[in-house]
Amino acid sequence: MVKHIVLFTVKEGIDKGEAAKLAAAVLEPLVGKIPGLLKMEICQTYQGVDFALYSEFESRQALENYAGHPAHQAAKEHFWHFLDTRGCADYDL
């Protein structure tokens, strides 16, 4: 299993809570639609980042497939334009 964590900040003037809700609305439903994506949750955070994505994948290959999957690419179009920074970390269990 691979855990994938992404931390986001949004551009100045963007409502952080609404940004997190929108990202959750378009990304969380991908569970069950993209092979190997087992779990995903997105929530507003504090302490220097605006929201976080936590997800679990069956394997590193499943994570790689998710990154380029058309459904993932389409979902990103809804919120990518208001992001300022993004950092991620992956680790195997």
C-alpha atoms as a PDB file:
ATOM      1  CA  MET A   1       0.000   0.000   0.000  1.00  0.00           C
ATOM      2  CA  VAL A   2       1.137   3.549  -0.782  1.00  0.00           C
ATOM      3  CA  LYS A   3       0.000   6.606   1.128  1.00  0.00           C
ATOM      4  CA  HIS A   4      -0.053   9.868  -0.808  1.00  0.00           C
ATOM      5  CA  ILE A   5      -0.264  13.211   0.996  1.00  0.00           C
ATOM      6  CA  VAL A   6      -0.515  16.573  -0.748  1.00  0.00           C
ATOM      7  CA  LEU A   7      -0.481  19.959   0.989  1.00  0.00           C
ATOM      8  CA  PHE A   8      -1.880  22.970  -0.855  1.00  0.00           C
ATOM      9  CA  THR A   9      -1.937  26.721  -0.433  1.00  0.00           C
ATOM     10  CA  VAL A  10      -4.301  28.885  -2.445  1.00  0.00           C
ATOM     11  CA  LYS A  11      -3.765  32.262  -4.057  1.00  0.00           C
ATOM     12  CA  GLU A  12      -4.452  35.408  -2.085  1.00  0.00           C
ATOM     13  CA  GLY A  13      -8.128  36.331  -2.057  1.00  0.00           C
ATOM     14  CA  ILE A  14      -9.365  32.746  -2.431  1.00  0.00           C
ATOM     15  CA  ASP A  15     -11.570  31.406   0.385  1.00  0.00           C
ATOM     16  CA  LYS A  16      -9.593  28.511   1.874  1.00  0.00           C
ATOM     17  CA  GLY A  17     -12.616  26.620   3.158  1.00  0.00           C
ATOM     18  CA  GLU A  18     -14.426  26.853  -0.153  1.00  0.00           C
ATOM     19  CA  ALA A  19     -11.284  25.742  -1.988  1.00  0.00           C
ATOM     20  CA  ALA A  20     -11.050  22.641   0.209  1.00  0.00           C
ATOM     21  CA  LYS A  21     -14.761  21.873  -0.276  1.00  0.00           C
ATOM     22  CA  LEU A  22     -14.502  22.177  -4.054  1.00  0.00           C
ATOM     23  CA  ALA A  23     -11.406  19.975  -4.250  1.00  0.00           C
ATOM     24  CA  ALA A  24     -13.122  17.391  -2.046  1.00  0.00           C
ATOM     25  CA  ALA A  25     -16.282  17.490  -4.148  1.00  0.00           C
ATOM     26  CA  VAL A  26     -14.430  16.644  -7.360  1.00  0.00           C
ATOM     27  CA  LEU A  27     -11.640  14.384  -6.064  1.00  0.00           C
ATOM     28  CA  GLU A  28     -13.192  12.218  -3.343  1.00  0.00           C
ATOM     29  CA  PRO A  29     -15.761  10.670  -5.750  1.00  0.00           C
ATOM     30  CA  LEU A  30     -12.850   9.228  -7.764  1.00  0.00           C
ATOM     31  CA  VAL A  31     -12.593   6.405  -5.211  1.00  0.00           C
ATOM     32  CA  GLY A  32     -14.138   3.404  -6.950  1.00  0.00           C
ATOM     33  CA  LYS A  33     -13.720   4.994 -10.372  1.00  0.00           C
ATOM     34  CA  ILE A  34      -9.931   4.827 -10.663  1.00  0.00           C
ATOM     35  CA  PRO A  35      -8.432   1.355 -10.229  1.00  0.00           C
ATOM     36  CA  GLY A  36      -6.206   1.024  -7.190  1.00  0.00           C
ATOM     37  CA  LEU A  37      -7.409   4.220  -5.463  1.00  0.00           C
ATOM     38  CA  LEU A  38      -8.599   2.912  -2.100  1.00  0.00           C
ATOM     39  CA  LYS A  39      -9.273   6.025  -0.036  1.00  0.00           C
ATOM     40  CA  MET A  40      -9.212   9.794  -0.387  1.00  0.00           C
ATOM     41  CA  GLU A  41     -10.067  12.616   1.961  1.00  0.00           C
ATOM     42  CA  ILE A  42      -9.526  16.333   1.698  1.00  0.00           C
ATOM     43  CA  CYS A  43      -9.878  18.846   4.491  1.00  0.00           C
ATOM     44  CA  GLN A  44      -9.019  22.408   5.367  1.00  0.00           C
ATOM     45  CA  THR A  45      -5.888  22.667   7.476  1.00  0.00           C
ATOM     46  CA  TYR A  46      -4.073  25.231   9.551  1.00  0.00           C
ATOM     47  CA  GLN A  47      -0.451  26.005  10.395  1.00  0.00           C
ATOM     48  CA  GLY A  48       0.775  27.277   7.035  1.00  0.00           C
ATOM     49  CA  VAL A  49      -1.120  25.195   4.505  1.00  0.00           C
ATOM     50  CA  ASP A  50      -4.706  25.738   3.393  1.00  0.00           C
ATOM     51  CA  PHE A  51      -5.908  22.207   2.701  1.00  0.00           C
ATOM     52  CA  ALA A  52      -4.571  18.688   2.570  1.00  0.00           C
ATOM     53  CA  LEU A  53      -5.293  15.614   0.507  1.00  0.00           C
ATOM     54  CA  TYR A  54      -4.712  12.186   2.021  1.00  0.00           C
ATOM     55  CA  SER A  55      -5.105   9.104  -0.157  1.00  0.00           C
ATOM     56  CA  GLU A  56      -4.226   5.426  -0.196  1.00  0.00           C
ATOM     57  CA  PHE A  57      -3.372   3.290  -3.215  1.00  0.00           C
ATOM     58  CA  GLU A  58      -2.953  -0.454  -3.690  1.00  0.00           C
ATOM     59  CA  SER A  59       0.546   0.026  -5.111  1.00  0.00           C
ATOM     60  CA  ARG A  60       3.031   2.520  -6.479  1.00  0.00           C
ATOM     61  CA  GLN A  61       1.842   1.580  -9.973  1.00  0.00           C
ATOM     62  CA  ALA A  62      -1.749   2.436  -8.984  1.00  0.00           C
ATOM     63  CA  LEU A  63      -0.560   5.872  -7.813  1.00  0.00           C
ATOM     64  CA  GLU A  64       1.254   6.411 -11.106  1.00  0.00           C
ATOM     65  CA  ASN A  65      -1.861   5.386 -13.043  1.00  0.00           C
ATOM     66  CA  TYR A  66      -4.007   7.768 -10.962  1.00  0.00           C
ATOM     67  CA  ALA A  67      -1.729  10.716 -11.747  1.00  0.00           C
ATOM     68  CA  GLY A  68      -2.406  10.458 -15.471  1.00  0.00           C
ATOM     69  CA  HIS A  69      -5.932   9.079 -15.354  1.00  0.00           C
ATOM     70  CA  PRO A  70      -8.405  11.150 -17.410  1.00  0.00           C
ATOM     71  CA  ALA A  71     -10.888  11.370 -14.514  1.00  0.00           C
ATOM     72  CA  HIS A  72      -8.177  12.785 -12.232  1.00  0.00           C
ATOM     73  CA  GLN A  73      -7.048  15.240 -14.894  1.00  0.00           C
ATOM     74  CA  ALA A  74     -10.642  16.407 -15.434  1.00  0.00           C
ATOM     75  CA  ALA A  75     -11.222  16.844 -11.681  1.00  0.00           C
ATOM     76  CA  LYS A  76      -8.106  19.005 -11.311  1.00  0.00           C
ATOM     77  CA  GLU A  77      -9.446  21.450 -13.889  1.00  0.00           C
ATOM     78  CA  HIS A  78     -12.062  22.571 -11.346  1.00  0.00           C
ATOM     79  CA  PHE A  79      -9.586  23.893  -8.784  1.00  0.00           C
ATOM     80  CA  TRP A  80      -6.041  23.934 -10.192  1.00  0.00           C
ATOM     81  CA  HIS A  81      -6.289  27.594 -11.269  1.00  0.00           C
ATOM     82  CA  PHE A  82      -6.595  28.928  -7.708  1.00  0.00           C
ATOM     83  CA  LEU A  83      -3.678  26.999  -6.213  1.00  0.00           C
ATOM     84  CA  ASP A  84      -0.535  28.835  -5.192  1.00  0.00           C
ATOM     85  CA  THR A  85       1.744  26.038  -3.938  1.00  0.00           C
ATOM     86  CA  ARG A  86       1.641  22.278  -3.727  1.00  0.00           C
ATOM     87  CA  GLY A  87       3.915  19.810  -1.977  1.00  0.00           C
ATOM     88  CA  CYS A  88       3.526  16.068  -1.738  1.00  0.00           C
ATOM     89  CA  ALA A  89       4.993  13.037  -0.049  1.00  0.00           C
ATOM     90  CA  ASP A  90       4.426   9.349  -0.725  1.00  0.00           C
ATOM     91  CA  TYR A  91       5.399   6.408   1.414  1.00  0.00           C
ATOM     92  CA  ASP A  92       4.981   2.644   1.255  1.00  0.00           C
ATOM     93  CA  LEU A  93       3.566   0.456   3.978  1.00  0.00           C
END
